[in-house]
Structures are given as structure tokens and as C-alpha cells.
PDB file of all heavy atoms in Angstrom:
ATOM      1  N   ALA A   1      95.407  48.065  80.107  1.00  0.00           N
ATOM      2  CA  ALA A   1      96.119  46.901  79.708  1.00  0.00           C
ATOM      3  C   ALA A   1      97.423  46.773  80.412  1.00  0.00           C
ATOM      4  O   ALA A   1      98.117  45.713  80.249  1.00  0.00           O
ATOM      5  CB  ALA A   1      96.260  46.916  78.277  1.00  0.00           C
ATOM      6  N   GLY A   2      97.864  47.785  81.246  1.00  0.00           N
ATOM      7  CA  GLY A   2      99.058  47.739  81.819  1.00  0.00           C
ATOM      8  C   GLY A   2     100.240  48.050  80.985  1.00  0.00           C
ATOM      9  O   GLY A   2     101.427  47.657  81.278  1.00  0.00           O
ATOM     10  N   THR A   3     100.077  48.591  79.822  1.00  0.00           N
ATOM     11  CA  THR A   3     101.090  48.861  78.955  1.00  0.00           C
ATOM     12  C   THR A   3     101.381  50.449  78.633  1.00  0.00           C
ATOM     13  O   THR A   3     102.044  50.764  77.757  1.00  0.00           O
ATOM     14  CB  THR A   3     100.753  48.299  77.437  1.00  0.00           C
ATOM     15  OG1 THR A   3      99.613  48.748  77.087  1.00  0.00           O
ATOM     16  CG2 THR A   3     100.794  46.749  77.677  1.00  0.00           C
ATOM     17  N   ILE A   4     100.822  51.258  79.614  1.00  0.00           N
ATOM     18  CA  ILE A   4     100.957  52.591  79.316  1.00  0.00           C
ATOM     19  C   ILE A   4     102.393  53.099  79.550  1.00  0.00           C
ATOM     20  O   ILE A   4     103.182  52.597  80.290  1.00  0.00           O
ATOM     21  CB  ILE A   4     100.048  53.500  80.331  1.00  0.00           C
ATOM     22  CG1 ILE A   4      99.954  54.865  80.064  1.00  0.00           C
ATOM     23  CG2 ILE A   4     100.443  53.213  81.838  1.00  0.00           C
ATOM     24  CD1 ILE A   4      98.957  55.627  80.746  1.00  0.00           C
ATOM     25  N   ARG A   5     102.773  54.100  78.676  1.00  0.00           N
ATOM     26  CA  ARG A   5     104.123  54.799  78.649  1.00  0.00           C
ATOM     27  C   ARG A   5     103.834  56.141  79.143  1.00  0.00           C
ATOM     28  O   ARG A   5     103.301  57.052  78.481  1.00  0.00           O
ATOM     29  CB  ARG A   5     104.677  54.670  77.261  1.00  0.00           C
ATOM     30  CG  ARG A   5     105.025  53.275  76.770  1.00  0.00           C
ATOM     31  CD  ARG A   5     105.355  53.336  75.274  1.00  0.00           C
ATOM     32  NE  ARG A   5     106.550  54.222  74.969  1.00  0.00           N
ATOM     33  CZ  ARG A   5     107.779  53.782  74.989  1.00  0.00           C
ATOM     34  NH1 ARG A   5     108.003  52.421  75.234  1.00  0.00           N
ATOM     35  NH2 ARG A   5     108.748  54.520  74.685  1.00  0.00           N
ATOM     36  N   TYR A   6     104.146  56.436  80.382  1.00  0.00           N
ATOM     37  CA  TYR A   6     103.801  57.772  81.089  1.00  0.00           C
ATOM     38  C   TYR A   6     104.611  58.771  80.416  1.00  0.00           C
ATOM     39  O   TYR A   6     104.158  60.048  80.339  1.00  0.00           O
ATOM     40  CB  TYR A   6     104.254  57.642  82.651  1.00  0.00           C
ATOM     41  CG  TYR A   6     103.214  56.820  83.379  1.00  0.00           C
ATOM     42  CD1 TYR A   6     103.608  55.728  84.014  1.00  0.00           C
ATOM     43  CD2 TYR A   6     101.865  57.205  83.405  1.00  0.00           C
ATOM     44  CE1 TYR A   6     102.675  54.988  84.748  1.00  0.00           C
ATOM     45  CE2 TYR A   6     100.914  56.451  84.156  1.00  0.00           C
ATOM     46  CZ  TYR A   6     101.343  55.333  84.750  1.00  0.00           C
ATOM     47  OH  TYR A   6     100.429  54.541  85.528  1.00  0.00           O
ATOM     48  N   GLY A   7     105.879  58.552  79.934  1.00  0.00           N
ATOM     49  CA  GLY A   7     106.569  59.593  79.198  1.00  0.00           C
ATOM     50  C   GLY A   7     105.749  60.069  77.970  1.00  0.00           C
ATOM     51  O   GLY A   7     105.764  61.289  77.729  1.00  0.00           O
ATOM     52  N   ASP A   8     105.238  59.205  77.218  1.00  0.00           N
ATOM     53  CA  ASP A   8     104.445  59.599  76.143  1.00  0.00           C
ATOM     54  C   ASP A   8     103.185  60.325  76.512  1.00  0.00           C
ATOM     55  O   ASP A   8     102.817  61.301  75.832  1.00  0.00           O
ATOM     56  CB  ASP A   8     104.047  58.329  75.247  1.00  0.00           C
ATOM     57  CG  ASP A   8     105.167  57.641  74.619  1.00  0.00           C
ATOM     58  OD1 ASP A   8     106.297  58.324  74.413  1.00  0.00           O
ATOM     59  OD2 ASP A   8     104.944  56.496  74.179  1.00  0.00           O
ATOM     60  N   MET A   9     102.577  59.803  77.465  1.00  0.00           N
ATOM     61  CA  MET A   9     101.417  60.480  77.983  1.00  0.00           C
ATOM     62  C   MET A   9     101.666  62.075  78.442  1.00  0.00           C
ATOM     63  O   MET A   9     100.944  62.951  78.231  1.00  0.00           O
ATOM     64  CB  MET A   9     100.747  59.703  79.160  1.00  0.00           C
ATOM     65  CG  MET A   9      99.404  60.334  79.775  1.00  0.00           C
ATOM     66  SD  MET A   9      98.844  59.429  81.155  1.00  0.00           S
ATOM     67  CE  MET A   9      97.417  60.422  81.603  1.00  0.00           C
ATOM     68  N   LYS A  10     102.744  62.244  79.250  1.00  0.00           N
ATOM     69  CA  LYS A  10     103.146  63.577  79.747  1.00  0.00           C
ATOM     70  C   LYS A  10     103.515  64.444  78.528  1.00  0.00           C
ATOM     71  O   LYS A  10     103.290  65.635  78.564  1.00  0.00           O
ATOM     72  CB  LYS A  10     104.256  63.316  80.730  1.00  0.00           C
ATOM     73  CG  LYS A  10     103.785  62.849  81.982  1.00  0.00           C
ATOM     74  CD  LYS A  10     104.728  62.961  83.149  1.00  0.00           C
ATOM     75  CE  LYS A  10     105.933  62.124  83.161  1.00  0.00           C
ATOM     76  NZ  LYS A  10     106.759  62.109  84.414  1.00  0.00           N
ATOM     77  N   LYS A  11     104.180  63.859  77.497  1.00  0.00           N
ATOM     78  CA  LYS A  11     104.465  64.728  76.352  1.00  0.00           C
ATOM     79  C   LYS A  11     103.222  65.221  75.708  1.00  0.00           C
ATOM     80  O   LYS A  11     103.003  66.385  75.285  1.00  0.00           O
ATOM     81  CB  LYS A  11     105.230  63.973  75.275  1.00  0.00           C
ATOM     82  CG  LYS A  11     106.743  63.668  75.713  1.00  0.00           C
ATOM     83  CD  LYS A  11     107.506  62.943  74.664  1.00  0.00           C
ATOM     84  CE  LYS A  11     108.932  62.729  75.093  1.00  0.00           C
ATOM     85  NZ  LYS A  11     109.642  61.912  74.071  1.00  0.00           N
ATOM     86  N   GLU A  12     102.155  64.331  75.497  1.00  0.00           N
ATOM     87  CA  GLU A  12     100.821  64.608  74.989  1.00  0.00           C
ATOM     88  C   GLU A  12     100.125  65.649  75.862  1.00  0.00           C
ATOM     89  O   GLU A  12      99.631  66.647  75.319  1.00  0.00           O
ATOM     90  CB  GLU A  12      99.985  63.419  74.724  1.00  0.00           C
ATOM     91  CG  GLU A  12      98.712  63.646  74.057  1.00  0.00           C
ATOM     92  CD  GLU A  12      98.902  63.713  72.590  1.00  0.00           C
ATOM     93  OE1 GLU A  12      99.800  63.101  71.999  1.00  0.00           O
ATOM     94  OE2 GLU A  12      98.233  64.599  72.006  1.00  0.00           O
ATOM     95  N   LEU A  13     100.248  65.458  77.182  1.00  0.00           N
ATOM     96  CA  LEU A  13      99.638  66.397  78.089  1.00  0.00           C
ATOM     97  C   LEU A  13     100.338  67.882  77.974  1.00  0.00           C
ATOM     98  O   LEU A  13      99.635  68.907  77.976  1.00  0.00           O
ATOM     99  CB  LEU A  13      99.638  65.845  79.441  1.00  0.00           C
ATOM    100  CG  LEU A  13      99.190  66.801  80.556  1.00  0.00           C
ATOM    101  CD1 LEU A  13      97.669  67.170  80.365  1.00  0.00           C
ATOM    102  CD2 LEU A  13      99.336  66.211  81.994  1.00  0.00           C
ATOM    103  N   ALA A  14     101.575  67.792  77.870  1.00  0.00           N
ATOM    104  CA  ALA A  14     102.271  69.050  77.906  1.00  0.00           C
ATOM    105  C   ALA A  14     102.044  69.879  76.574  1.00  0.00           C
ATOM    106  O   ALA A  14     101.792  71.036  76.630  1.00  0.00           O
ATOM    107  CB  ALA A  14     103.837  68.801  77.851  1.00  0.00           C
ATOM    108  N   GLU A  15     101.953  69.120  75.486  1.00  0.00           N
ATOM    109  CA  GLU A  15     101.655  69.972  74.214  1.00  0.00           C
ATOM    110  C   GLU A  15     100.179  70.422  74.250  1.00  0.00           C
ATOM    111  O   GLU A  15      99.874  71.485  73.841  1.00  0.00           O
ATOM    112  CB  GLU A  15     101.849  69.083  72.932  1.00  0.00           C
ATOM    113  CG  GLU A  15     103.295  68.632  72.757  1.00  0.00           C
ATOM    114  CD  GLU A  15     104.206  69.940  72.845  1.00  0.00           C
ATOM    115  OE1 GLU A  15     103.840  70.913  72.160  1.00  0.00           O
ATOM    116  OE2 GLU A  15     105.306  69.855  73.502  1.00  0.00           O
ATOM    117  N   GLY A  16      99.252  69.580  74.775  1.00  0.00           N
ATOM    118  CA  GLY A  16      97.909  70.084  75.044  1.00  0.00           C
ATOM    119  C   GLY A  16      97.828  71.306  75.951  1.00  0.00           C
ATOM    120  O   GLY A  16      97.022  72.318  75.555  1.00  0.00           O
ATOM    121  N   MET A  17      98.550  71.274  76.942  1.00  0.00           N
ATOM    122  CA  MET A  17      98.533  72.463  77.890  1.00  0.00           C
ATOM    123  C   MET A  17      99.166  73.699  77.236  1.00  0.00           C
ATOM    124  O   MET A  17      98.706  74.780  77.390  1.00  0.00           O
ATOM    125  CB  MET A  17      99.289  72.138  79.209  1.00  0.00           C
ATOM    126  CG  MET A  17      98.496  71.335  80.171  1.00  0.00           C
ATOM    127  SD  MET A  17      97.100  72.274  80.763  1.00  0.00           S
ATOM    128  CE  MET A  17      96.219  70.988  81.777  1.00  0.00           C
ATOM    129  N   VAL A  18     100.262  73.520  76.491  1.00  0.00           N
ATOM    130  CA  VAL A  18     100.826  74.662  75.758  1.00  0.00           C
ATOM    131  C   VAL A  18      99.781  75.273  74.831  1.00  0.00           C
ATOM    132  O   VAL A  18      99.626  76.474  74.791  1.00  0.00           O
ATOM    133  CB  VAL A  18     102.151  74.041  74.931  1.00  0.00           C
ATOM    134  CG1 VAL A  18     102.467  75.150  73.922  1.00  0.00           C
ATOM    135  CG2 VAL A  18     103.249  73.886  75.917  1.00  0.00           C
ATOM    136  N   THR A  19      99.103  74.483  74.050  1.00  0.00           N
ATOM    137  CA  THR A  19      98.045  74.924  73.199  1.00  0.00           C
ATOM    138  C   THR A  19      96.923  75.649  73.930  1.00  0.00           C
ATOM    139  O   THR A  19      96.445  76.631  73.479  1.00  0.00           O
ATOM    140  CB  THR A  19      97.426  73.748  72.405  1.00  0.00           C
ATOM    141  OG1 THR A  19      98.558  73.133  71.598  1.00  0.00           O
ATOM    142  CG2 THR A  19      96.478  74.203  71.355  1.00  0.00           C
ATOM    143  N   PHE A  20      96.555  75.063  75.082  1.00  0.00           N
ATOM    144  CA  PHE A  20      95.479  75.691  75.894  1.00  0.00           C
ATOM    145  C   PHE A  20      95.943  76.999  76.557  1.00  0.00           C
ATOM    146  O   PHE A  20      95.134  78.028  76.552  1.00  0.00           O
ATOM    147  CB  PHE A  20      95.012  74.681  76.893  1.00  0.00           C
ATOM    148  CG  PHE A  20      93.968  75.168  77.828  1.00  0.00           C
ATOM    149  CD1 PHE A  20      92.597  75.193  77.446  1.00  0.00           C
ATOM    150  CD2 PHE A  20      94.194  75.611  79.141  1.00  0.00           C
ATOM    151  CE1 PHE A  20      91.680  75.653  78.279  1.00  0.00           C
ATOM    152  CE2 PHE A  20      93.227  76.133  79.899  1.00  0.00           C
ATOM    153  CZ  PHE A  20      91.849  76.096  79.446  1.00  0.00           C
ATOM    154  N   ILE A  21      97.151  77.100  77.026  1.00  0.00           N
ATOM    155  CA  ILE A  21      97.574  78.121  77.946  1.00  0.00           C
ATOM    156  C   ILE A  21      98.105  79.276  77.120  1.00  0.00           C
ATOM    157  O   ILE A  21      97.830  80.559  77.478  1.00  0.00           O
ATOM    158  CB  ILE A  21      98.522  77.620  79.076  1.00  0.00           C
ATOM    159  CG1 ILE A  21      97.761  76.847  80.124  1.00  0.00           C
ATOM    160  CG2 ILE A  21      99.200  78.866  79.699  1.00  0.00           C
ATOM    161  CD1 ILE A  21      98.742  76.254  81.109  1.00  0.00           C
ATOM    162  N   SER A  22      98.829  78.984  76.198  1.00  0.00           N
ATOM    163  CA  SER A  22      99.582  80.080  75.338  1.00  0.00           C
ATOM    164  C   SER A  22      98.625  81.294  74.829  1.00  0.00           C
ATOM    165  O   SER A  22      99.032  82.402  75.027  1.00  0.00           O
ATOM    166  CB  SER A  22     100.360  79.550  74.271  1.00  0.00           C
ATOM    167  OG  SER A  22      99.633  78.821  73.293  1.00  0.00           O
ATOM    168  N   PRO A  23      97.464  80.936  74.368  1.00  0.00           N
ATOM    169  CA  PRO A  23      96.590  82.110  73.966  1.00  0.00           C
ATOM    170  C   PRO A  23      96.089  82.947  75.072  1.00  0.00           C
ATOM    171  O   PRO A  23      96.130  84.191  74.959  1.00  0.00           O
ATOM    172  CB  PRO A  23      95.398  81.390  73.335  1.00  0.00           C
ATOM    173  CG  PRO A  23      95.900  80.065  72.948  1.00  0.00           C
ATOM    174  CD  PRO A  23      96.759  79.725  73.994  1.00  0.00           C
ATOM    175  N   ILE A  24      95.957  82.347  76.286  1.00  0.00           N
ATOM    176  CA  ILE A  24      95.478  83.102  77.452  1.00  0.00           C
ATOM    177  C   ILE A  24      96.708  83.953  77.868  1.00  0.00           C
ATOM    178  O   ILE A  24      96.498  85.178  78.309  1.00  0.00           O
ATOM    179  CB  ILE A  24      95.042  82.048  78.559  1.00  0.00           C
ATOM    180  CG1 ILE A  24      93.967  81.253  78.167  1.00  0.00           C
ATOM    181  CG2 ILE A  24      94.768  82.916  79.868  1.00  0.00           C
ATOM    182  CD1 ILE A  24      93.586  80.213  79.118  1.00  0.00           C
ATOM    183  N   ARG A  25      97.933  83.411  77.940  1.00  0.00           N
ATOM    184  CA  ARG A  25      99.132  84.153  78.304  1.00  0.00           C
ATOM    185  C   ARG A  25      99.251  85.381  77.446  1.00  0.00           C
ATOM    186  O   ARG A  25      99.565  86.522  77.802  1.00  0.00           O
ATOM    187  CB  ARG A  25     100.289  83.222  78.328  1.00  0.00           C
ATOM    188  CG  ARG A  25     101.592  83.885  78.684  1.00  0.00           C
ATOM    189  CD  ARG A  25     102.793  82.983  78.561  1.00  0.00           C
ATOM    190  NE  ARG A  25     103.041  82.645  77.130  1.00  0.00           N
ATOM    191  CZ  ARG A  25     102.983  81.349  76.708  1.00  0.00           C
ATOM    192  NH1 ARG A  25     102.752  80.314  77.503  1.00  0.00           N
ATOM    193  NH2 ARG A  25     103.250  81.161  75.427  1.00  0.00           N
ATOM    194  N   GLU A  26      99.140  85.124  76.248  1.00  0.00           N
ATOM    195  CA  GLU A  26      99.434  86.209  75.078  1.00  0.00           C
ATOM    196  C   GLU A  26      98.362  87.290  75.348  1.00  0.00           C
ATOM    197  O   GLU A  26      98.670  88.501  75.142  1.00  0.00           O
ATOM    198  CB  GLU A  26      99.364  85.595  73.736  1.00  0.00           C
ATOM    199  CG  GLU A  26     100.612  84.653  73.374  1.00  0.00           C
ATOM    200  CD  GLU A  26     100.389  83.852  72.215  1.00  0.00           C
ATOM    201  OE1 GLU A  26      99.378  84.036  71.441  1.00  0.00           O
ATOM    202  OE2 GLU A  26     101.242  82.974  71.867  1.00  0.00           O
ATOM    203  N   LYS A  27      97.171  86.896  75.548  1.00  0.00           N
ATOM    204  CA  LYS A  27      96.008  87.947  75.751  1.00  0.00           C
ATOM    205  C   LYS A  27      96.316  88.688  76.942  1.00  0.00           C
ATOM    206  O   LYS A  27      96.163  89.979  77.030  1.00  0.00           O
ATOM    207  CB  LYS A  27      94.700  87.113  75.763  1.00  0.00           C
ATOM    208  CG  LYS A  27      93.560  88.156  76.053  1.00  0.00           C
ATOM    209  CD  LYS A  27      93.261  89.092  74.813  1.00  0.00           C
ATOM    210  CE  LYS A  27      92.024  89.925  74.961  1.00  0.00           C
ATOM    211  NZ  LYS A  27      91.712  90.795  73.868  1.00  0.00           N
ATOM    212  N   ALA A  28      96.732  88.033  78.049  1.00  0.00           N
ATOM    213  CA  ALA A  28      97.069  88.788  79.300  1.00  0.00           C
ATOM    214  C   ALA A  28      98.267  89.733  79.095  1.00  0.00           C
ATOM    215  O   ALA A  28      98.232  90.847  79.685  1.00  0.00           O
ATOM    216  CB  ALA A  28      97.328  87.719  80.418  1.00  0.00           C
ATOM    217  N   GLU A  29      99.224  89.306  78.500  1.00  0.00           N
ATOM    218  CA  GLU A  29     100.403  90.203  78.176  1.00  0.00           C
ATOM    219  C   GLU A  29     100.027  91.458  77.345  1.00  0.00           C
ATOM    220  O   GLU A  29     100.391  92.485  77.580  1.00  0.00           O
ATOM    221  CB  GLU A  29     101.431  89.373  77.447  1.00  0.00           C
ATOM    222  CG  GLU A  29     102.266  88.391  78.290  1.00  0.00           C
ATOM    223  CD  GLU A  29     103.199  87.571  77.493  1.00  0.00           C
ATOM    224  OE1 GLU A  29     103.188  87.683  76.343  1.00  0.00           O
ATOM    225  OE2 GLU A  29     103.940  86.772  78.143  1.00  0.00           O
ATOM    226  N   ALA A  30      99.101  91.236  76.379  1.00  0.00           N
ATOM    227  CA  ALA A  30      98.691  92.373  75.597  1.00  0.00           C
ATOM    228  C   ALA A  30      97.805  93.302  76.421  1.00  0.00           C
ATOM    229  O   ALA A  30      98.004  94.538  76.322  1.00  0.00           O
ATOM    230  CB  ALA A  30      97.761  91.812  74.453  1.00  0.00           C
ATOM    231  N   ILE A  31      96.997  92.785  77.353  1.00  0.00           N
ATOM    232  CA  ILE A  31      96.222  93.701  78.235  1.00  0.00           C
ATOM    233  C   ILE A  31      97.179  94.486  79.134  1.00  0.00           C
ATOM    234  O   ILE A  31      97.066  95.692  79.533  1.00  0.00           O
ATOM    235  CB  ILE A  31      95.226  92.838  79.047  1.00  0.00           C
ATOM    236  CG1 ILE A  31      94.073  92.331  78.029  1.00  0.00           C
ATOM    237  CG2 ILE A  31      94.612  93.709  80.214  1.00  0.00           C
ATOM    238  CD1 ILE A  31      93.096  91.408  78.680  1.00  0.00           C
ATOM    239  N   ARG A  32      98.240  93.740  79.747  1.00  0.00           N
ATOM    240  CA  ARG A  32      99.138  94.480  80.738  1.00  0.00           C
ATOM    241  C   ARG A  32     100.026  95.504  80.006  1.00  0.00           C
ATOM    242  O   ARG A  32     100.332  96.415  80.606  1.00  0.00           O
ATOM    243  CB  ARG A  32     100.208  93.357  81.272  1.00  0.00           C
ATOM    244  CG  ARG A  32      99.520  92.486  82.387  1.00  0.00           C
ATOM    245  CD  ARG A  32     100.634  91.906  83.146  1.00  0.00           C
ATOM    246  NE  ARG A  32     101.388  90.902  82.421  1.00  0.00           N
ATOM    247  CZ  ARG A  32     101.096  89.601  82.142  1.00  0.00           C
ATOM    248  NH1 ARG A  32     100.042  89.146  82.738  1.00  0.00           N
ATOM    249  NH2 ARG A  32     101.757  88.846  81.402  1.00  0.00           N
ATOM    250  N   ASN A  33     100.143  95.399  78.666  1.00  0.00           N
ATOM    251  CA  ASN A  33     100.975  96.373  78.014  1.00  0.00           C
ATOM    252  C   ASN A  33      99.952  97.464  77.546  1.00  0.00           C
ATOM    253  O   ASN A  33     100.594  98.485  76.969  1.00  0.00           O
ATOM    254  CB  ASN A  33     101.706  95.719  76.841  1.00  0.00           C
ATOM    255  CG  ASN A  33     102.731  94.801  77.295  1.00  0.00           C
ATOM    256  OD1 ASN A  33     103.408  95.031  78.267  1.00  0.00           O
ATOM    257  ND2 ASN A  33     102.986  93.728  76.525  1.00  0.00           N
ATOM    258  N   ASP A  34      98.843  97.488  77.725  1.00  0.00           N
ATOM    259  CA  ASP A  34      97.771  98.454  77.230  1.00  0.00           C
ATOM    260  C   ASP A  34      97.395  99.288  78.445  1.00  0.00           C
ATOM    261  O   ASP A  34      96.407  99.190  79.017  1.00  0.00           O
ATOM    262  CB  ASP A  34      96.652  97.886  76.698  1.00  0.00           C
ATOM    263  CG  ASP A  34      95.703  98.891  75.851  1.00  0.00           C
ATOM    264  OD1 ASP A  34      96.016 100.063  76.140  1.00  0.00           O
ATOM    265  OD2 ASP A  34      94.845  98.435  75.104  1.00  0.00           O
ATOM    266  N   GLU A  35      98.301 100.282  78.859  1.00  0.00           N
ATOM    267  CA  GLU A  35      98.097 101.101  79.967  1.00  0.00           C
ATOM    268  C   GLU A  35      96.791 101.908  79.920  1.00  0.00           C
ATOM    269  O   GLU A  35      95.973 101.922  80.958  1.00  0.00           O
ATOM    270  CB  GLU A  35      99.245 102.019  80.248  1.00  0.00           C
ATOM    271  CG  GLU A  35      99.191 102.727  81.640  1.00  0.00           C
ATOM    272  CD  GLU A  35     100.460 103.495  81.965  1.00  0.00           C
ATOM    273  OE1 GLU A  35     101.497 103.073  81.433  1.00  0.00           O
ATOM    274  OE2 GLU A  35     100.342 104.475  82.693  1.00  0.00           O
ATOM    275  N   PRO A  36      96.444 102.598  78.985  1.00  0.00           N
ATOM    276  CA  PRO A  36      95.220 103.309  78.849  1.00  0.00           C
ATOM    277  C   PRO A  36      93.998 102.446  79.084  1.00  0.00           C
ATOM    278  O   PRO A  36      93.006 102.840  79.842  1.00  0.00           O
ATOM    279  CB  PRO A  36      95.116 103.849  77.477  1.00  0.00           C
ATOM    280  CG  PRO A  36      96.542 104.044  77.061  1.00  0.00           C
ATOM    281  CD  PRO A  36      97.224 102.764  77.634  1.00  0.00           C
ATOM    282  N   TYR A  37      93.900 101.196  78.483  1.00  0.00           N
ATOM    283  CA  TYR A  37      92.848 100.312  78.732  1.00  0.00           C
ATOM    284  C   TYR A  37      92.827  99.954  80.177  1.00  0.00           C
ATOM    285  O   TYR A  37      91.655  99.893  80.809  1.00  0.00           O
ATOM    286  CB  TYR A  37      92.987  99.130  77.846  1.00  0.00           C
ATOM    287  CG  TYR A  37      92.049  98.038  78.107  1.00  0.00           C
ATOM    288  CD1 TYR A  37      90.606  98.158  77.604  1.00  0.00           C
ATOM    289  CD2 TYR A  37      92.402  96.917  78.803  1.00  0.00           C
ATOM    290  CE1 TYR A  37      89.693  97.100  77.899  1.00  0.00           C
ATOM    291  CE2 TYR A  37      91.447  95.960  79.073  1.00  0.00           C
ATOM    292  CZ  TYR A  37      90.072  96.051  78.710  1.00  0.00           C
ATOM    293  OH  TYR A  37      89.212  95.096  78.987  1.00  0.00           O
ATOM    294  N   LEU A  38      93.953  99.635  80.811  1.00  0.00           N
ATOM    295  CA  LEU A  38      93.957  99.126  82.219  1.00  0.00           C
ATOM    296  C   LEU A  38      93.402 100.276  83.103  1.00  0.00           C
ATOM    297  O   LEU A  38      92.709 100.041  84.013  1.00  0.00           O
ATOM    298  CB  LEU A  38      95.364  98.710  82.612  1.00  0.00           C
ATOM    299  CG  LEU A  38      95.928  97.408  82.061  1.00  0.00           C
ATOM    300  CD1 LEU A  38      97.399  97.188  82.489  1.00  0.00           C
ATOM    301  CD2 LEU A  38      95.032  96.321  82.682  1.00  0.00           C
ATOM    302  N   ARG A  39      93.865 101.504  82.813  1.00  0.00           N
ATOM    303  CA  ARG A  39      93.450 102.563  83.711  1.00  0.00           C
ATOM    304  C   ARG A  39      92.025 102.796  83.635  1.00  0.00           C
ATOM    305  O   ARG A  39      91.284 103.003  84.554  1.00  0.00           O
ATOM    306  CB  ARG A  39      94.164 103.927  83.240  1.00  0.00           C
ATOM    307  CG  ARG A  39      93.908 105.104  84.131  1.00  0.00           C
ATOM    308  CD  ARG A  39      94.770 106.340  83.654  1.00  0.00           C
ATOM    309  NE  ARG A  39      96.171 105.999  83.848  1.00  0.00           N
ATOM    310  CZ  ARG A  39      96.835 105.997  84.994  1.00  0.00           C
ATOM    311  NH1 ARG A  39      96.125 106.418  86.088  1.00  0.00           N
ATOM    312  NH2 ARG A  39      98.034 105.759  85.078  1.00  0.00           N
ATOM    313  N   LYS A  40      91.334 102.659  82.338  1.00  0.00           N
ATOM    314  CA  LYS A  40      90.036 102.790  82.126  1.00  0.00           C
ATOM    315  C   LYS A  40      89.161 101.764  82.911  1.00  0.00           C
ATOM    316  O   LYS A  40      88.186 101.994  83.531  1.00  0.00           O
ATOM    317  CB  LYS A  40      89.568 102.725  80.643  1.00  0.00           C
ATOM    318  CG  LYS A  40      88.178 102.787  80.236  1.00  0.00           C
ATOM    319  CD  LYS A  40      87.977 102.618  78.759  1.00  0.00           C
ATOM    320  CE  LYS A  40      86.531 102.596  78.503  1.00  0.00           C
ATOM    321  NZ  LYS A  40      86.283 102.464  76.969  1.00  0.00           N
ATOM    322  N   VAL A  41      89.587 100.544  82.790  1.00  0.00           N
ATOM    323  CA  VAL A  41      89.008  99.377  83.513  1.00  0.00           C
ATOM    324  C   VAL A  41      88.942  99.597  85.042  1.00  0.00           C
ATOM    325  O   VAL A  41      88.027  99.413  85.729  1.00  0.00           O
ATOM    326  CB  VAL A  41      89.584  98.052  83.106  1.00  0.00           C
ATOM    327  CG1 VAL A  41      89.153  96.897  84.028  1.00  0.00           C
ATOM    328  CG2 VAL A  41      89.296  97.747  81.605  1.00  0.00           C
ATOM    329  N   MET A  42      90.128 100.008  85.546  1.00  0.00           N
ATOM    330  CA  MET A  42      90.279 100.156  87.014  1.00  0.00           C
ATOM    331  C   MET A  42      89.349 101.330  87.424  1.00  0.00           C
ATOM    332  O   MET A  42      88.778 101.257  88.509  1.00  0.00           O
ATOM    333  CB  MET A  42      91.676 100.407  87.369  1.00  0.00           C
ATOM    334  CG  MET A  42      92.548  99.229  87.318  1.00  0.00           C
ATOM    335  SD  MET A  42      94.230  99.484  87.972  1.00  0.00           S
ATOM    336  CE  MET A  42      94.994 100.489  86.611  1.00  0.00           C
ATOM    337  N   GLU A  43      89.341 102.419  86.660  1.00  0.00           N
ATOM    338  CA  GLU A  43      88.455 103.593  87.102  1.00  0.00           C
ATOM    339  C   GLU A  43      86.990 103.221  87.081  1.00  0.00           C
ATOM    340  O   GLU A  43      86.190 103.490  88.027  1.00  0.00           O
ATOM    341  CB  GLU A  43      88.715 104.812  86.296  1.00  0.00           C
ATOM    342  CG  GLU A  43      90.101 105.346  86.394  1.00  0.00           C
ATOM    343  CD  GLU A  43      90.439 106.514  85.377  1.00  0.00           C
ATOM    344  OE1 GLU A  43      89.705 106.583  84.411  1.00  0.00           O
ATOM    345  OE2 GLU A  43      91.515 107.138  85.629  1.00  0.00           O
ATOM    346  N   GLN A  44      86.550 102.487  86.051  1.00  0.00           N
ATOM    347  CA  GLN A  44      85.090 102.014  85.971  1.00  0.00           C
ATOM    348  C   GLN A  44      84.841 101.115  86.976  1.00  0.00           C
ATOM    349  O   GLN A  44      83.791 101.128  87.663  1.00  0.00           O
ATOM    350  CB  GLN A  44      84.922 101.467  84.500  1.00  0.00           C
ATOM    351  CG  GLN A  44      84.906 102.374  83.413  1.00  0.00           C
ATOM    352  CD  GLN A  44      84.747 101.784  82.067  1.00  0.00           C
ATOM    353  OE1 GLN A  44      84.874 100.621  81.926  1.00  0.00           O
ATOM    354  NE2 GLN A  44      84.425 102.644  81.043  1.00  0.00           N
ATOM    355  N   GLY A  45      85.785 100.143  87.220  1.00  0.00           N
ATOM    356  CA  GLY A  45      85.503  99.184  88.210  1.00  0.00           C
ATOM    357  C   GLY A  45      85.380  99.691  89.646  1.00  0.00           C
ATOM    358  O   GLY A  45      84.597  99.415  90.481  1.00  0.00           O
TER     359      GLY A  45
END
């Protein structure tokens, strides 16, 4: 319709990306902090 507000669209996209990425980031941080698990995975790999 030619009435799009890109600022609103980018805010919606940003919150969607935050919701999508944050659990992945948190899981990755938990794995990085688990040295015994990392060592086991590297040795098995």
C-alpha cells in the first residue's frame, strides 16, 4: 500500500531475532563453561 513504517518493522524484527537467538547464545555459553563436557566431546570426536 506504500504506507510501511520501516522503523516499526525493524523493531518487530529485532525483538523476533532476540527471542530466536538468545536461547542459542545461552546454551552455547553453558557449554563453553562446562570444561569436562567439552574435553569429553573433543576426545570422542
